[in-house]
N, C-alpha and C. Protein backbone atom coordinates (compact mmCIF):
# COMPACT_ATOMS: atom_id res chain seq x y z
N UNK A 1 3.00 -14.77 5.65
CA UNK A 1 2.91 -13.56 5.02
C UNK A 1 2.12 -12.55 6.20
N UNK A 2 2.85 -11.51 6.30
CA UNK A 2 2.49 -10.28 7.46
C UNK A 2 0.81 -9.66 6.93
N UNK A 3 0.06 -10.04 7.46
CA UNK A 3 -1.15 -9.33 6.92
C UNK A 3 -0.83 -7.83 6.97
N UNK A 4 0.00 -7.08 7.40
CA UNK A 4 0.16 -5.58 7.82
C UNK A 4 0.91 -5.13 6.76
N UNK A 5 1.67 -5.98 6.27
CA UNK A 5 2.22 -5.65 4.70
C UNK A 5 1.67 -4.85 3.43
N UNK A 6 2.67 -4.03 3.19
CA UNK A 6 1.70 -3.46 2.09
C UNK A 6 0.96 -4.35 1.10
N UNK A 7 -0.18 -4.62 0.46
CA UNK A 7 -0.53 -5.28 -0.70
C UNK A 7 0.37 -5.15 -2.09
N UNK A 8 0.90 -4.00 -2.25
CA UNK A 8 1.55 -3.92 -3.09
C UNK A 8 3.01 -4.35 -3.27
N UNK A 9 3.38 -5.39 -2.14
CA UNK A 9 4.55 -5.72 -1.89
C UNK A 9 4.38 -7.37 -2.72
N UNK A 10 2.90 -7.75 -2.97
CA UNK A 10 3.10 -8.75 -3.56
C UNK A 10 2.29 -9.05 -4.65
N UNK A 11 2.69 -10.29 -5.23
CA UNK A 11 2.10 -10.49 -6.94
C UNK A 11 0.90 -11.86 -6.69
N UNK A 12 -0.07 -11.97 -7.87
CA UNK A 12 -1.28 -12.52 -7.48
C UNK A 12 -0.27 -13.51 -9.12
N UNK A 13 0.09 -14.91 -8.92
CA UNK A 13 0.54 -15.79 -10.42
C UNK A 13 -0.36 -16.11 -11.08
N UNK A 14 -0.77 -16.37 -12.21
CA UNK A 14 -1.22 -16.57 -13.31
C UNK A 14 -2.42 -18.07 -12.50
N UNK A 15 -1.57 -19.11 -11.47
CA UNK A 15 -1.93 -19.93 -11.02
C UNK A 15 -2.93 -19.89 -9.91
N UNK A 16 -3.27 -18.64 -9.41
CA UNK A 16 -4.01 -18.21 -8.28
C UNK A 16 -3.12 -18.01 -7.24
N UNK A 17 -1.34 -18.32 -6.91
CA UNK A 17 -0.78 -17.95 -5.82
C UNK A 17 -0.33 -16.76 -5.37
N UNK A 18 -0.24 -16.20 -4.11
CA UNK A 18 0.14 -15.10 -3.81
C UNK A 18 1.71 -15.43 -3.06
N UNK A 19 2.43 -14.23 -4.02
CA UNK A 19 4.22 -14.64 -3.91
C UNK A 19 4.44 -12.82 -3.34
N UNK A 20 5.62 -13.05 -2.75
CA UNK A 20 6.29 -11.72 -2.44
C UNK A 20 6.78 -11.32 -4.13
N UNK A 21 7.13 -10.08 -4.47
CA UNK A 21 7.64 -9.60 -5.62
C UNK A 21 9.03 -10.31 -5.73
N UNK A 22 9.99 -10.02 -5.09
CA UNK A 22 10.97 -10.73 -5.19
C UNK A 22 11.30 -12.08 -5.16
N UNK A 23 10.06 -13.01 -4.75
CA UNK A 23 10.33 -14.41 -4.92
C UNK A 23 9.44 -14.82 -6.18
N UNK A 24 8.58 -13.85 -7.05
CA UNK A 24 8.31 -14.57 -8.00
C UNK A 24 9.08 -14.27 -8.95
N UNK A 25 10.15 -12.84 -8.89
CA UNK A 25 11.01 -12.41 -9.62
C UNK A 25 12.16 -13.61 -10.01
N UNK A 26 12.66 -14.20 -8.74
CA UNK A 26 13.21 -14.91 -8.82
C UNK A 26 13.04 -16.52 -9.12
N UNK A 27 11.44 -16.68 -9.38
CA UNK A 27 10.87 -17.76 -9.95
C UNK A 27 10.94 -17.79 -11.18
N UNK A 28 10.50 -16.68 -11.71
CA UNK A 28 10.47 -16.03 -13.22
C UNK A 28 11.78 -16.58 -13.71
N UNK A 29 12.30 -15.83 -13.08
CA UNK A 29 14.25 -16.10 -14.01
C UNK A 29 14.29 -17.74 -14.06
N UNK A 30 14.09 -18.63 -12.85
CA UNK A 30 14.52 -19.66 -12.78
C UNK A 30 13.38 -20.48 -13.98
N UNK A 31 12.52 -20.77 -14.08
CA UNK A 31 11.81 -21.34 -14.87
C UNK A 31 12.29 -20.55 -16.35
N UNK A 32 12.32 -19.69 -16.58
CA UNK A 32 12.70 -19.26 -17.84
C UNK A 32 14.32 -19.37 -18.39
N UNK A 33 14.98 -19.78 -17.41
CA UNK A 33 16.90 -20.07 -17.80
C UNK A 33 16.34 -21.85 -17.82
N UNK A 34 15.98 -22.58 -17.12
CA UNK A 34 15.90 -23.95 -17.27
C UNK A 34 15.27 -24.55 -17.79
N UNK A 35 14.02 -24.42 -17.91
CA UNK A 35 12.57 -25.08 -19.09
C UNK A 35 12.43 -23.84 -20.01
N UNK A 36 12.53 -22.77 -19.80
CA UNK A 36 12.03 -22.08 -21.13
C UNK A 36 10.66 -21.74 -21.33
N UNK A 37 10.04 -21.42 -20.06
CA UNK A 37 8.80 -21.02 -19.84
C UNK A 37 8.66 -20.22 -19.20
N UNK A 38 7.81 -19.22 -19.36
CA UNK A 38 7.53 -18.12 -18.87
C UNK A 38 6.16 -17.61 -18.15
N UNK A 39 6.37 -17.56 -16.79
CA UNK A 39 5.20 -17.35 -16.04
C UNK A 39 5.52 -15.88 -15.99
N UNK A 40 3.82 -16.08 -15.77
CA UNK A 40 3.48 -14.35 -16.02
C UNK A 40 2.52 -14.04 -14.32
N UNK A 41 2.65 -12.49 -14.08
CA UNK A 41 1.61 -12.21 -13.01
C UNK A 41 0.52 -11.86 -13.59
N UNK A 42 -0.50 -12.40 -12.75
CA UNK A 42 -2.02 -11.98 -12.96
C UNK A 42 -2.25 -10.65 -12.88
N UNK A 43 -1.86 -10.12 -11.79
CA UNK A 43 -2.03 -9.08 -11.45
C UNK A 43 -0.89 -8.79 -9.95
N UNK A 44 -1.11 -7.13 -9.63
CA UNK A 44 -0.08 -7.20 -8.36
C UNK A 44 -0.83 -7.01 -7.52
N UNK A 45 -0.48 -7.50 -5.92
CA UNK A 45 -1.42 -7.52 -4.79
C UNK A 45 -1.79 -9.11 -4.70
N UNK A 46 -2.25 -9.55 -3.60
CA UNK A 46 -2.59 -10.34 -2.90
C UNK A 46 -3.86 -10.93 -3.68
N UNK A 47 -3.50 -12.44 -3.83
CA UNK A 47 -4.85 -12.87 -4.37
C UNK A 47 -6.00 -12.67 -3.82
N UNK A 48 -6.94 -12.23 -4.88
CA UNK A 48 -8.65 -12.20 -4.31
C UNK A 48 -8.89 -13.71 -3.95
N UNK A 49 -9.82 -13.75 -2.96
CA UNK A 49 -10.42 -14.89 -2.41
C UNK A 49 -11.19 -15.49 -4.03
N UNK A 50 -11.29 -17.20 -3.85
CA UNK A 50 -12.52 -17.54 -4.88
C UNK A 50 -13.79 -17.66 -4.79
N UNK A 51 -14.48 -17.69 -5.31
CA UNK A 51 -15.99 -18.39 -5.14
C UNK A 51 -15.96 -19.58 -4.41
N UNK A 52 -15.39 -20.28 -4.28
CA UNK A 52 -15.13 -21.15 -3.12
C UNK A 52 -15.08 -21.40 -1.57
N UNK A 53 -14.74 -19.91 -1.42
CA UNK A 53 -14.10 -19.49 -0.24
C UNK A 53 -15.67 -18.67 0.23
N UNK A 54 -16.61 -18.81 -0.87
CA UNK A 54 -17.95 -18.59 -0.59
C UNK A 54 -18.84 -19.86 -0.08
N UNK A 55 -18.44 -20.34 0.16
CA UNK A 55 -19.38 -21.87 -0.11
C UNK A 55 -19.20 -22.54 1.44
N UNK A 56 -19.91 -23.53 1.56
CA UNK A 56 -19.69 -23.93 2.87
C UNK A 56 -20.37 -25.08 2.64
N UNK A 57 -19.88 -26.36 2.93
CA UNK A 57 -19.84 -27.64 3.09
C UNK A 57 -20.99 -28.64 4.36
N UNK A 58 -22.11 -28.88 4.13
CA UNK A 58 -22.71 -29.59 4.51
C UNK A 58 -22.81 -31.13 4.29
N UNK A 59 -22.49 -31.77 4.64
CA UNK A 59 -22.54 -33.01 4.27
C UNK A 59 -22.27 -33.37 3.42
N UNK A 60 -23.19 -34.16 1.88
CA UNK A 60 -23.04 -34.01 0.49
C UNK A 60 -23.35 -32.79 -0.48
N UNK A 61 -24.13 -31.66 0.79
CA UNK A 61 -24.46 -30.74 -0.01
C UNK A 61 -23.57 -29.30 0.25
N UNK A 62 -23.35 -28.61 -0.80
CA UNK A 62 -22.56 -27.68 -0.57
C UNK A 62 -23.35 -26.17 -0.54
N UNK A 63 -23.55 -25.13 -0.03
CA UNK A 63 -24.43 -23.84 -0.39
C UNK A 63 -23.46 -22.69 -0.23
N UNK A 64 -24.39 -21.56 -0.53
CA UNK A 64 -23.88 -20.56 -0.13
C UNK A 64 -23.49 -20.43 1.15
N UNK A 65 -22.61 -19.71 1.52
CA UNK A 65 -22.79 -19.09 3.15
C UNK A 65 -23.48 -17.95 3.49
N UNK A 66 -24.28 -18.09 4.58
CA UNK A 66 -25.35 -17.35 4.84
C UNK A 66 -24.87 -16.07 4.79
N UNK A 67 -24.68 -15.06 4.12
CA UNK A 67 -24.25 -13.40 4.06
C UNK A 67 -25.39 -12.19 3.63
N UNK A 68 -26.56 -12.92 4.04
CA UNK A 68 -27.87 -12.13 3.94
C UNK A 68 -28.49 -12.35 2.30
N UNK A 69 -28.90 -11.10 2.02
CA UNK A 69 -30.18 -11.53 0.82
C UNK A 69 -29.21 -10.74 -0.33
N UNK A 70 -29.46 -11.20 -1.69
CA UNK A 70 -28.53 -11.16 -2.66
C UNK A 70 -28.55 -9.37 -3.01
N UNK A 71 -27.39 -8.90 -3.51
CA UNK A 71 -26.52 -7.71 -3.37
C UNK A 71 -26.89 -7.08 -5.03
N UNK A 72 -26.65 -5.61 -4.80
CA UNK A 72 -26.90 -5.03 -6.15
C UNK A 72 -25.48 -4.04 -6.21
N UNK A 73 -24.49 -4.47 -7.38
CA UNK A 73 -23.59 -3.41 -7.48
C UNK A 73 -24.08 -2.03 -8.01
N UNK A 74 -22.46 -1.20 -8.69
CA UNK A 74 -22.76 -0.27 -9.15
C UNK A 74 -22.58 -0.47 -10.70
N UNK A 75 -22.28 -1.76 -11.28
CA UNK A 75 -22.37 -2.06 -12.35
C UNK A 75 -23.63 -2.89 -12.60
N UNK A 76 -24.80 -2.89 -12.29
CA UNK A 76 -25.74 -3.55 -12.08
C UNK A 76 -25.99 -4.84 -12.23
N UNK A 77 -24.95 -5.45 -11.69
CA UNK A 77 -25.06 -6.82 -11.45
C UNK A 77 -25.47 -7.36 -9.97
N UNK A 78 -26.18 -8.32 -9.67
CA UNK A 78 -26.65 -8.73 -9.04
C UNK A 78 -26.03 -10.35 -8.30
N UNK A 79 -25.37 -10.02 -7.31
CA UNK A 79 -24.99 -11.28 -6.68
C UNK A 79 -25.45 -11.79 -5.50
N UNK A 80 -24.85 -13.16 -5.25
CA UNK A 80 -26.11 -14.06 -4.43
C UNK A 80 -26.05 -13.67 -3.07
N UNK A 81 -24.90 -13.34 -2.82
CA UNK A 81 -24.50 -12.86 -1.27
C UNK A 81 -23.23 -11.85 -1.30
N UNK A 82 -23.19 -11.31 -0.21
CA UNK A 82 -22.34 -10.28 -0.28
C UNK A 82 -20.69 -10.65 -0.18
N UNK A 83 -20.69 -12.32 0.29
CA UNK A 83 -19.29 -12.75 0.09
C UNK A 83 -18.90 -12.91 -1.33
N UNK A 84 -20.17 -12.93 -2.27
CA UNK A 84 -20.20 -13.17 -3.86
C UNK A 84 -19.35 -11.94 -4.55
N UNK A 85 -19.87 -10.77 -3.73
CA UNK A 85 -19.96 -9.23 -4.30
C UNK A 85 -18.48 -8.90 -3.89
N UNK A 86 -18.04 -9.02 -2.83
CA UNK A 86 -16.80 -9.40 -2.43
C UNK A 86 -15.38 -9.62 -3.22
N UNK A 87 -15.60 -11.23 -3.59
CA UNK A 87 -15.12 -11.74 -4.65
C UNK A 87 -15.12 -10.62 -5.64
N UNK A 88 -15.95 -10.58 -6.59
CA UNK A 88 -16.18 -9.75 -7.82
C UNK A 88 -15.50 -8.56 -7.48
N UNK A 89 -15.77 -7.59 -6.29
CA UNK A 89 -15.24 -6.44 -6.26
C UNK A 89 -13.50 -6.34 -6.12
N UNK A 90 -13.01 -7.42 -5.49
CA UNK A 90 -11.39 -7.20 -5.49
C UNK A 90 -11.44 -7.63 -6.79
N UNK A 91 -11.63 -8.25 -7.80
CA UNK A 91 -11.29 -8.91 -8.99
C UNK A 91 -11.61 -7.54 -10.03
N UNK A 92 -12.15 -6.83 -10.04
CA UNK A 92 -12.66 -6.18 -10.60
C UNK A 92 -11.55 -4.74 -10.21
N UNK A 93 -11.40 -4.13 -8.70
CA UNK A 93 -10.79 -3.43 -8.80
C UNK A 93 -8.49 -3.78 -8.83
N UNK A 94 -8.32 -5.19 -8.65
CA UNK A 94 -7.34 -5.31 -9.33
C UNK A 94 -6.75 -5.73 -10.51
N UNK A 95 -7.58 -6.01 -11.00
CA UNK A 95 -7.40 -6.62 -12.53
C UNK A 95 -7.79 -6.04 -13.29
N UNK A 96 -9.38 -5.03 -13.69
CA UNK A 96 -9.95 -4.07 -14.25
C UNK A 96 -9.67 -2.56 -13.90
N UNK A 97 -8.97 -2.77 -12.45
CA UNK A 97 -8.50 -1.09 -11.64
C UNK A 97 -10.17 -0.23 -11.96
N UNK A 98 -11.19 -1.00 -12.01
CA UNK A 98 -12.50 -0.71 -12.22
C UNK A 98 -13.10 -0.43 -10.20
N UNK A 99 -13.31 0.69 -10.01
CA UNK A 99 -13.82 0.84 -8.65
C UNK A 99 -15.47 0.41 -8.61
N UNK A 100 -15.72 -0.32 -7.55
CA UNK A 100 -16.77 -1.24 -7.64
C UNK A 100 -17.98 -1.24 -6.13
N UNK A 101 -18.60 -0.54 -5.98
CA UNK A 101 -19.60 -0.28 -4.86
C UNK A 101 -21.10 -0.86 -4.93
N UNK A 102 -21.46 -1.18 -3.37
CA UNK A 102 -22.67 -1.78 -3.32
C UNK A 102 -24.07 -0.54 -3.82
N UNK A 103 -25.05 -0.90 -4.36
CA UNK A 103 -26.04 0.24 -4.58
C UNK A 103 -27.36 -0.43 -3.84
N UNK A 104 -27.54 -1.72 -3.36
CA UNK A 104 -28.48 -2.36 -2.46
C UNK A 104 -28.06 -3.70 -1.70
N UNK A 105 -27.93 -3.17 -0.71
CA UNK A 105 -27.18 -4.50 0.52
C UNK A 105 -28.45 -5.16 0.98
N UNK A 106 -29.43 -5.22 0.23
CA UNK A 106 -30.63 -5.71 0.73
C UNK A 106 -31.55 -6.20 -0.51
N UNK A 107 -30.96 -6.41 -1.50
CA UNK A 107 -31.92 -7.09 -2.84
C UNK A 107 -31.02 -7.09 -4.22
N UNK A 108 -31.85 -7.58 -5.08
CA UNK A 108 -31.42 -7.82 -6.53
C UNK A 108 -31.09 -6.20 -7.03
N UNK A 109 -30.93 -6.39 -8.25
CA UNK A 109 -31.04 -4.41 -9.19
C UNK A 109 -32.23 -4.66 -9.60
N UNK A 110 -33.08 -5.35 -9.53
CA UNK A 110 -34.24 -5.27 -10.03
C UNK A 110 -35.18 -4.55 -8.66
N UNK A 111 -34.41 -4.26 -7.81
CA UNK A 111 -35.40 -3.83 -6.65
C UNK A 111 -34.82 -2.42 -6.67
N UNK A 112 -33.79 -1.86 -7.70
CA UNK A 112 -32.87 -0.24 -7.54
C UNK A 112 -32.93 -0.01 -8.60
N UNK A 113 -33.42 1.72 -8.44
CA UNK A 113 -32.92 1.97 -9.56
C UNK A 113 -31.38 3.00 -9.49
N UNK A 114 -30.92 2.42 -11.20
CA UNK A 114 -29.54 3.01 -11.34
C UNK A 114 -29.29 3.38 -12.62
N UNK A 115 -28.57 4.57 -12.53
CA UNK A 115 -28.08 5.34 -13.99
C UNK A 115 -27.66 4.20 -15.01
N UNK A 116 -27.73 4.38 -16.46
CA UNK A 116 -27.40 3.43 -17.13
C UNK A 116 -25.42 3.54 -17.25
N UNK A 117 -24.66 2.67 -16.12
CA UNK A 117 -23.63 2.09 -16.11
C UNK A 117 -23.18 1.58 -17.32
N UNK A 118 -23.84 0.76 -17.98
CA UNK A 118 -23.00 0.24 -19.66
C UNK A 118 -22.64 1.12 -20.42
N UNK A 119 -23.37 2.63 -20.62
CA UNK A 119 -23.19 3.18 -21.05
C UNK A 119 -21.86 3.96 -20.75
N UNK A 120 -22.00 4.31 -19.44
CA UNK A 120 -20.95 5.24 -18.57
C UNK A 120 -19.40 4.01 -19.35
N UNK A 121 -19.28 2.61 -18.97
CA UNK A 121 -18.52 1.87 -19.20
C UNK A 121 -18.40 2.57 -20.66
N UNK A 122 -18.99 2.33 -21.49
CA UNK A 122 -18.83 2.67 -23.02
C UNK A 122 -18.25 3.34 -23.37
N UNK A 123 -18.30 4.71 -22.63
CA UNK A 123 -17.75 5.71 -23.14
C UNK A 123 -16.55 5.97 -22.60
N UNK A 124 -16.05 5.14 -21.51
CA UNK A 124 -14.42 5.62 -20.87
C UNK A 124 -14.10 4.46 -21.49
N UNK A 125 -14.23 3.09 -22.05
CA UNK A 125 -13.66 2.37 -23.04
C UNK A 125 -13.41 3.01 -24.66
N UNK A 126 -14.46 3.85 -24.93
CA UNK A 126 -14.13 4.42 -26.34
C UNK A 126 -13.02 5.92 -26.03
N UNK A 127 -13.15 6.32 -25.03
CA UNK A 127 -12.05 7.34 -24.81
C UNK A 127 -11.05 7.04 -24.77
N UNK A 128 -10.71 5.71 -24.50
CA UNK A 128 -9.54 5.33 -24.23
C UNK A 128 -9.00 4.74 -25.05
N UNK A 129 -9.90 4.13 -26.57
CA UNK A 129 -9.38 3.34 -27.51
C UNK A 129 -8.94 4.83 -28.19
N UNK A 130 -10.02 5.96 -28.26
CA UNK A 130 -9.43 7.06 -29.24
C UNK A 130 -7.75 7.68 -28.45
N UNK A 131 -7.40 7.67 -27.57
CA UNK A 131 -6.23 8.25 -27.00
C UNK A 131 -5.14 7.31 -27.12
N UNK A 132 -4.90 7.07 -28.93
CA UNK A 132 -3.78 6.47 -28.57
C UNK A 132 -2.31 7.42 -28.09
N UNK A 133 -2.61 8.52 -28.63
CA UNK A 133 -1.54 9.47 -27.73
C UNK A 133 -1.36 9.60 -26.60
N UNK A 134 -1.83 8.58 -25.46
CA UNK A 134 -1.75 9.40 -24.26
C UNK A 134 -0.30 8.37 -24.11
N UNK A 135 0.46 8.95 -22.88
CA UNK A 135 1.69 8.45 -22.49
C UNK A 135 1.52 7.24 -21.15
N UNK A 136 2.24 5.88 -21.00
CA UNK A 136 2.22 5.21 -20.37
C UNK A 136 3.19 5.18 -19.64
N UNK A 137 3.12 4.50 -18.34
CA UNK A 137 4.02 4.42 -17.17
C UNK A 137 5.00 3.46 -17.84
N UNK A 138 6.41 3.35 -17.31
CA UNK A 138 7.16 2.11 -17.74
C UNK A 138 6.74 1.19 -16.69
N UNK A 139 6.43 1.05 -15.50
CA UNK A 139 6.01 0.40 -14.49
C UNK A 139 6.09 -1.34 -15.36
N UNK A 140 6.75 -2.54 -15.07
CA UNK A 140 6.33 -3.51 -15.67
C UNK A 140 5.84 -4.97 -14.66
N UNK A 141 4.42 -4.45 -15.76
CA UNK A 141 3.42 -5.29 -14.90
C UNK A 141 2.63 -5.95 -15.94
N UNK A 142 3.44 -7.10 -16.46
CA UNK A 142 3.09 -7.95 -17.80
C UNK A 142 1.70 -8.43 -17.48
N UNK A 143 1.00 -8.09 -18.57
CA UNK A 143 -0.47 -8.69 -19.23
C UNK A 143 -0.29 -9.26 -20.71
N UNK A 144 -1.19 -10.53 -20.22
CA UNK A 144 -1.18 -11.05 -22.02
C UNK A 144 -2.54 -10.45 -22.71
N UNK A 145 -2.16 -10.20 -23.98
CA UNK A 145 -3.55 -9.97 -24.75
C UNK A 145 -4.03 -10.97 -25.45
N UNK A 146 -5.05 -10.91 -26.19
CA UNK A 146 -5.70 -11.48 -26.64
C UNK A 146 -5.23 -11.88 -27.73
N UNK A 147 -4.56 -11.64 -28.57
CA UNK A 147 -3.21 -11.83 -29.32
C UNK A 147 -2.49 -12.72 -29.20
N UNK A 148 -2.41 -12.90 -28.08
CA UNK A 148 -1.34 -14.03 -27.68
C UNK A 148 0.11 -13.09 -27.31
N UNK A 149 0.24 -11.27 -27.17
CA UNK A 149 1.49 -10.81 -26.71
C UNK A 149 1.57 -10.39 -25.69
N UNK A 150 2.55 -10.43 -24.85
CA UNK A 150 2.46 -10.06 -23.49
C UNK A 150 3.19 -8.75 -23.47
N UNK A 151 2.17 -7.49 -22.88
CA UNK A 151 2.48 -6.51 -22.83
C UNK A 151 3.44 -5.80 -21.52
N UNK A 152 3.86 -5.06 -21.75
CA UNK A 152 4.92 -4.34 -20.46
C UNK A 152 3.79 -4.10 -18.86
N UNK A 153 2.59 -3.18 -19.73
CA UNK A 153 1.95 -3.53 -18.48
C UNK A 153 -0.10 -2.94 -19.63
N UNK A 154 -1.10 -2.88 -18.46
CA UNK A 154 -2.26 -2.69 -19.23
C UNK A 154 -2.09 -1.38 -20.23
N UNK A 155 -1.93 -0.51 -19.66
CA UNK A 155 -2.06 0.64 -20.51
C UNK A 155 -1.63 0.47 -22.03
N UNK A 156 -0.47 -0.10 -22.03
CA UNK A 156 0.43 -0.73 -23.52
C UNK A 156 -0.60 -1.66 -24.07
N UNK A 157 -1.39 -2.48 -23.51
CA UNK A 157 -1.83 -2.96 -24.12
C UNK A 157 -3.35 -2.53 -24.70
N UNK A 158 -4.13 -1.30 -24.12
CA UNK A 158 -5.00 -0.84 -24.37
C UNK A 158 -4.63 0.29 -25.41
N UNK A 159 -3.58 0.49 -25.41
CA UNK A 159 -2.64 1.61 -26.67
C UNK A 159 -3.01 0.83 -28.01
N UNK A 160 -2.40 -0.90 -27.61
CA UNK A 160 -2.58 -1.47 -28.88
C UNK A 160 -4.06 -1.57 -29.56
N UNK A 161 -5.17 -1.25 -28.97
CA UNK A 161 -6.30 -1.98 -28.93
C UNK A 161 -6.70 -1.34 -30.29
């Protein structure tokens, strides 16, 4: 894979494998026709790194790669390292479509004074729930709801809530 290629040309499947969109669509078709099995996209873009990528082995001991001190993000979550923050940030941006930034690069959230982000998240979700009449785009980015139904995209899932 070319590192300079646009992230939007790729998808991350439910197994955590990055594939080009056309390759994924071909595989989806084969699996559906041959095996009756539906494979789905977890999100658009290259797969985020895993927490394991932040681990380092020393003989039989495993510990976090030294990335400095704990860090605090804009959702008032303390991460053990900058590396774990970057993993979480990638997932939040690609899966939840939420922006995540660092509030404190050198300490936990208890060392930081912040606004009530939980209230802000609640207000955003409430306004989304109230707007059943919003128009959703037709982009095919399937997402599985907790009700077991696959929706065309996140917007359509949110409208069904």
